[in-house]
Amino acid sequence: MNGNITKDDLRQFGLSLAEQLKQIIKDNKDTKNDYLHPEWLKSRVVRKLMDMSPASLQNLRITGKVRFKKVLGSYYYNKSDLMNLFNDEN
């Protein structure tokens, strides 16, 4: 082998690089979906999604109908509990 790079070598390298980039982007999208659909939602997000008042959300928390966590003064609600609660009432 003489060490010269041909146009064909560059073309093959480009195709290989493009495939690797496509795989990296695909893997990154799968990871981002976890961040876009978290398991725990902040109070403000829940109120906006469910179109409810702060008192209604507090009532669900007090009656134990949804799981919640309090972190540094903010309440976080379990998304699956909220979805199950409103699917059962339909």
C-alpha atoms as a PDB file:
ATOM      1  CA  MET A   1       0.000   0.000   0.000  1.00  0.00           C
ATOM      2  CA  ASN A   2       1.432   3.359  -0.999  1.00  0.00           C
ATOM      3  CA  GLY A   3      -0.379   5.576   1.547  1.00  0.00           C
ATOM      4  CA  ASN A   4      -2.207   7.718  -0.988  1.00  0.00           C
ATOM      5  CA  ILE A   5      -5.836   8.528  -0.285  1.00  0.00           C
ATOM      6  CA  THR A   6      -8.189   8.148  -3.208  1.00  0.00           C
ATOM      7  CA  LYS A   7     -11.564   9.763  -3.881  1.00  0.00           C
ATOM      8  CA  ASP A   8     -13.176   6.399  -3.217  1.00  0.00           C
ATOM      9  CA  ASP A   9     -11.517   6.251   0.216  1.00  0.00           C
ATOM     10  CA  LEU A  10     -12.905   9.694   1.051  1.00  0.00           C
ATOM     11  CA  ARG A  11     -16.365   8.722  -0.188  1.00  0.00           C
ATOM     12  CA  GLN A  12     -16.391   5.586   1.977  1.00  0.00           C
ATOM     13  CA  PHE A  13     -15.149   7.592   4.962  1.00  0.00           C
ATOM     14  CA  GLY A  14     -17.919  10.168   4.421  1.00  0.00           C
ATOM     15  CA  LEU A  15     -20.602   7.477   4.257  1.00  0.00           C
ATOM     16  CA  SER A  16     -19.255   5.825   7.391  1.00  0.00           C
ATOM     17  CA  LEU A  17     -19.141   9.160   9.217  1.00  0.00           C
ATOM     18  CA  ALA A  18     -22.697  10.010   8.148  1.00  0.00           C
ATOM     19  CA  GLU A  19     -24.000   6.672   9.467  1.00  0.00           C
ATOM     20  CA  GLN A  20     -22.227   7.176  12.790  1.00  0.00           C
ATOM     21  CA  LEU A  21     -23.688  10.674  13.136  1.00  0.00           C
ATOM     22  CA  LYS A  22     -27.191   9.382  12.372  1.00  0.00           C
ATOM     23  CA  GLN A  23     -26.792   6.760  15.108  1.00  0.00           C
ATOM     24  CA  ILE A  24     -25.559   9.349  17.628  1.00  0.00           C
ATOM     25  CA  ILE A  25     -28.500  11.656  16.844  1.00  0.00           C
ATOM     26  CA  LYS A  26     -30.963   8.767  17.151  1.00  0.00           C
ATOM     27  CA  ASP A  27     -29.503   7.721  20.510  1.00  0.00           C
ATOM     28  CA  ASN A  28     -29.620  11.335  21.707  1.00  0.00           C
ATOM     29  CA  LYS A  29     -33.308  11.667  20.768  1.00  0.00           C
ATOM     30  CA  ASP A  30     -34.157   8.561  22.802  1.00  0.00           C
ATOM     31  CA  THR A  31     -32.382  10.069  25.799  1.00  0.00           C
ATOM     32  CA  LYS A  32     -34.116  13.437  25.402  1.00  0.00           C
ATOM     33  CA  ASN A  33     -37.551  11.814  25.522  1.00  0.00           C
ATOM     34  CA  ASP A  34     -36.871  10.831  29.123  1.00  0.00           C
ATOM     35  CA  TYR A  35     -36.267  14.484  29.957  1.00  0.00           C
ATOM     36  CA  LEU A  36     -39.327  15.633  28.039  1.00  0.00           C
ATOM     37  CA  HIS A  37     -41.623  13.175  29.796  1.00  0.00           C
ATOM     38  CA  PRO A  38     -40.568  13.122  33.441  1.00  0.00           C
ATOM     39  CA  GLU A  39     -42.205  10.835  35.975  1.00  0.00           C
ATOM     40  CA  TRP A  40     -42.676  13.631  38.533  1.00  0.00           C
ATOM     41  CA  LEU A  41     -44.319  16.948  37.602  1.00  0.00           C
ATOM     42  CA  LYS A  42     -44.117  20.257  39.421  1.00  0.00           C
ATOM     43  CA  SER A  43     -47.343  21.748  40.831  1.00  0.00           C
ATOM     44  CA  ARG A  44     -47.481  24.555  38.281  1.00  0.00           C
ATOM     45  CA  VAL A  45     -47.186  22.109  35.382  1.00  0.00           C
ATOM     46  CA  VAL A  46     -49.894  19.841  36.807  1.00  0.00           C
ATOM     47  CA  ARG A  47     -52.275  22.770  37.315  1.00  0.00           C
ATOM     48  CA  LYS A  48     -51.701  23.958  33.762  1.00  0.00           C
ATOM     49  CA  LEU A  49     -52.068  20.489  32.190  1.00  0.00           C
ATOM     50  CA  MET A  50     -55.143  19.541  34.213  1.00  0.00           C
ATOM     51  CA  ASP A  51     -56.639  23.056  34.238  1.00  0.00           C
ATOM     52  CA  MET A  52     -57.197  23.055  37.981  1.00  0.00           C
ATOM     53  CA  SER A  53     -56.801  25.489  40.826  1.00  0.00           C
ATOM     54  CA  PRO A  54     -54.088  25.258  43.475  1.00  0.00           C
ATOM     55  CA  ALA A  55     -56.772  24.331  46.034  1.00  0.00           C
ATOM     56  CA  SER A  56     -57.997  21.394  43.921  1.00  0.00           C
ATOM     57  CA  LEU A  57     -54.476  20.081  43.619  1.00  0.00           C
ATOM     58  CA  GLN A  58     -53.933  20.524  47.351  1.00  0.00           C
ATOM     59  CA  ASN A  59     -57.152  18.586  48.001  1.00  0.00           C
ATOM     60  CA  LEU A  60     -55.885  15.649  45.896  1.00  0.00           C
ATOM     61  CA  ARG A  61     -52.657  15.711  47.900  1.00  0.00           C
ATOM     62  CA  ILE A  62     -54.373  15.878  51.316  1.00  0.00           C
ATOM     63  CA  THR A  63     -56.856  13.102  50.540  1.00  0.00           C
ATOM     64  CA  GLY A  64     -53.999  10.852  49.394  1.00  0.00           C
ATOM     65  CA  LYS A  65     -55.321  10.359  45.876  1.00  0.00           C
ATOM     66  CA  VAL A  66     -51.940  11.162  44.321  1.00  0.00           C
ATOM     67  CA  ARG A  67     -48.395  10.565  45.469  1.00  0.00           C
ATOM     68  CA  PHE A  68     -46.259  13.638  45.952  1.00  0.00           C
ATOM     69  CA  LYS A  69     -42.816  14.702  47.052  1.00  0.00           C
ATOM     70  CA  LYS A  70     -41.847  17.981  48.628  1.00  0.00           C
ATOM     71  CA  VAL A  71     -38.399  19.152  47.613  1.00  0.00           C
ATOM     72  CA  LEU A  72     -37.096  22.493  48.902  1.00  0.00           C
ATOM     73  CA  GLY A  73     -40.613  23.895  49.275  1.00  0.00           C
ATOM     74  CA  SER A  74     -41.935  22.728  45.889  1.00  0.00           C
ATOM     75  CA  TYR A  75     -44.390  19.896  45.461  1.00  0.00           C
ATOM     76  CA  TYR A  76     -43.886  17.279  42.752  1.00  0.00           C
ATOM     77  CA  TYR A  77     -46.686  14.921  41.734  1.00  0.00           C
ATOM     78  CA  ASN A  78     -46.467  11.449  40.237  1.00  0.00           C
ATOM     79  CA  LYS A  79     -47.566  11.647  36.609  1.00  0.00           C
ATOM     80  CA  SER A  80     -48.944   8.101  36.400  1.00  0.00           C
ATOM     81  CA  ASP A  81     -51.089   8.654  39.532  1.00  0.00           C
ATOM     82  CA  LEU A  82     -52.631  11.756  37.991  1.00  0.00           C
ATOM     83  CA  MET A  83     -53.312  10.014  34.695  1.00  0.00           C
ATOM     84  CA  ASN A  84     -54.887   7.002  36.445  1.00  0.00           C
ATOM     85  CA  LEU A  85     -57.013   9.238  38.657  1.00  0.00           C
ATOM     86  CA  PHE A  86     -58.547  11.108  35.759  1.00  0.00           C
ATOM     87  CA  ASN A  87     -58.875   8.049  33.527  1.00  0.00           C
ATOM     88  CA  ASP A  88     -60.852   6.240  36.241  1.00  0.00           C
ATOM     89  CA  GLU A  89     -63.315   9.096  36.654  1.00  0.00           C
ATOM     90  CA  ASN A  90     -64.305   9.173  32.967  1.00  0.00           C
END
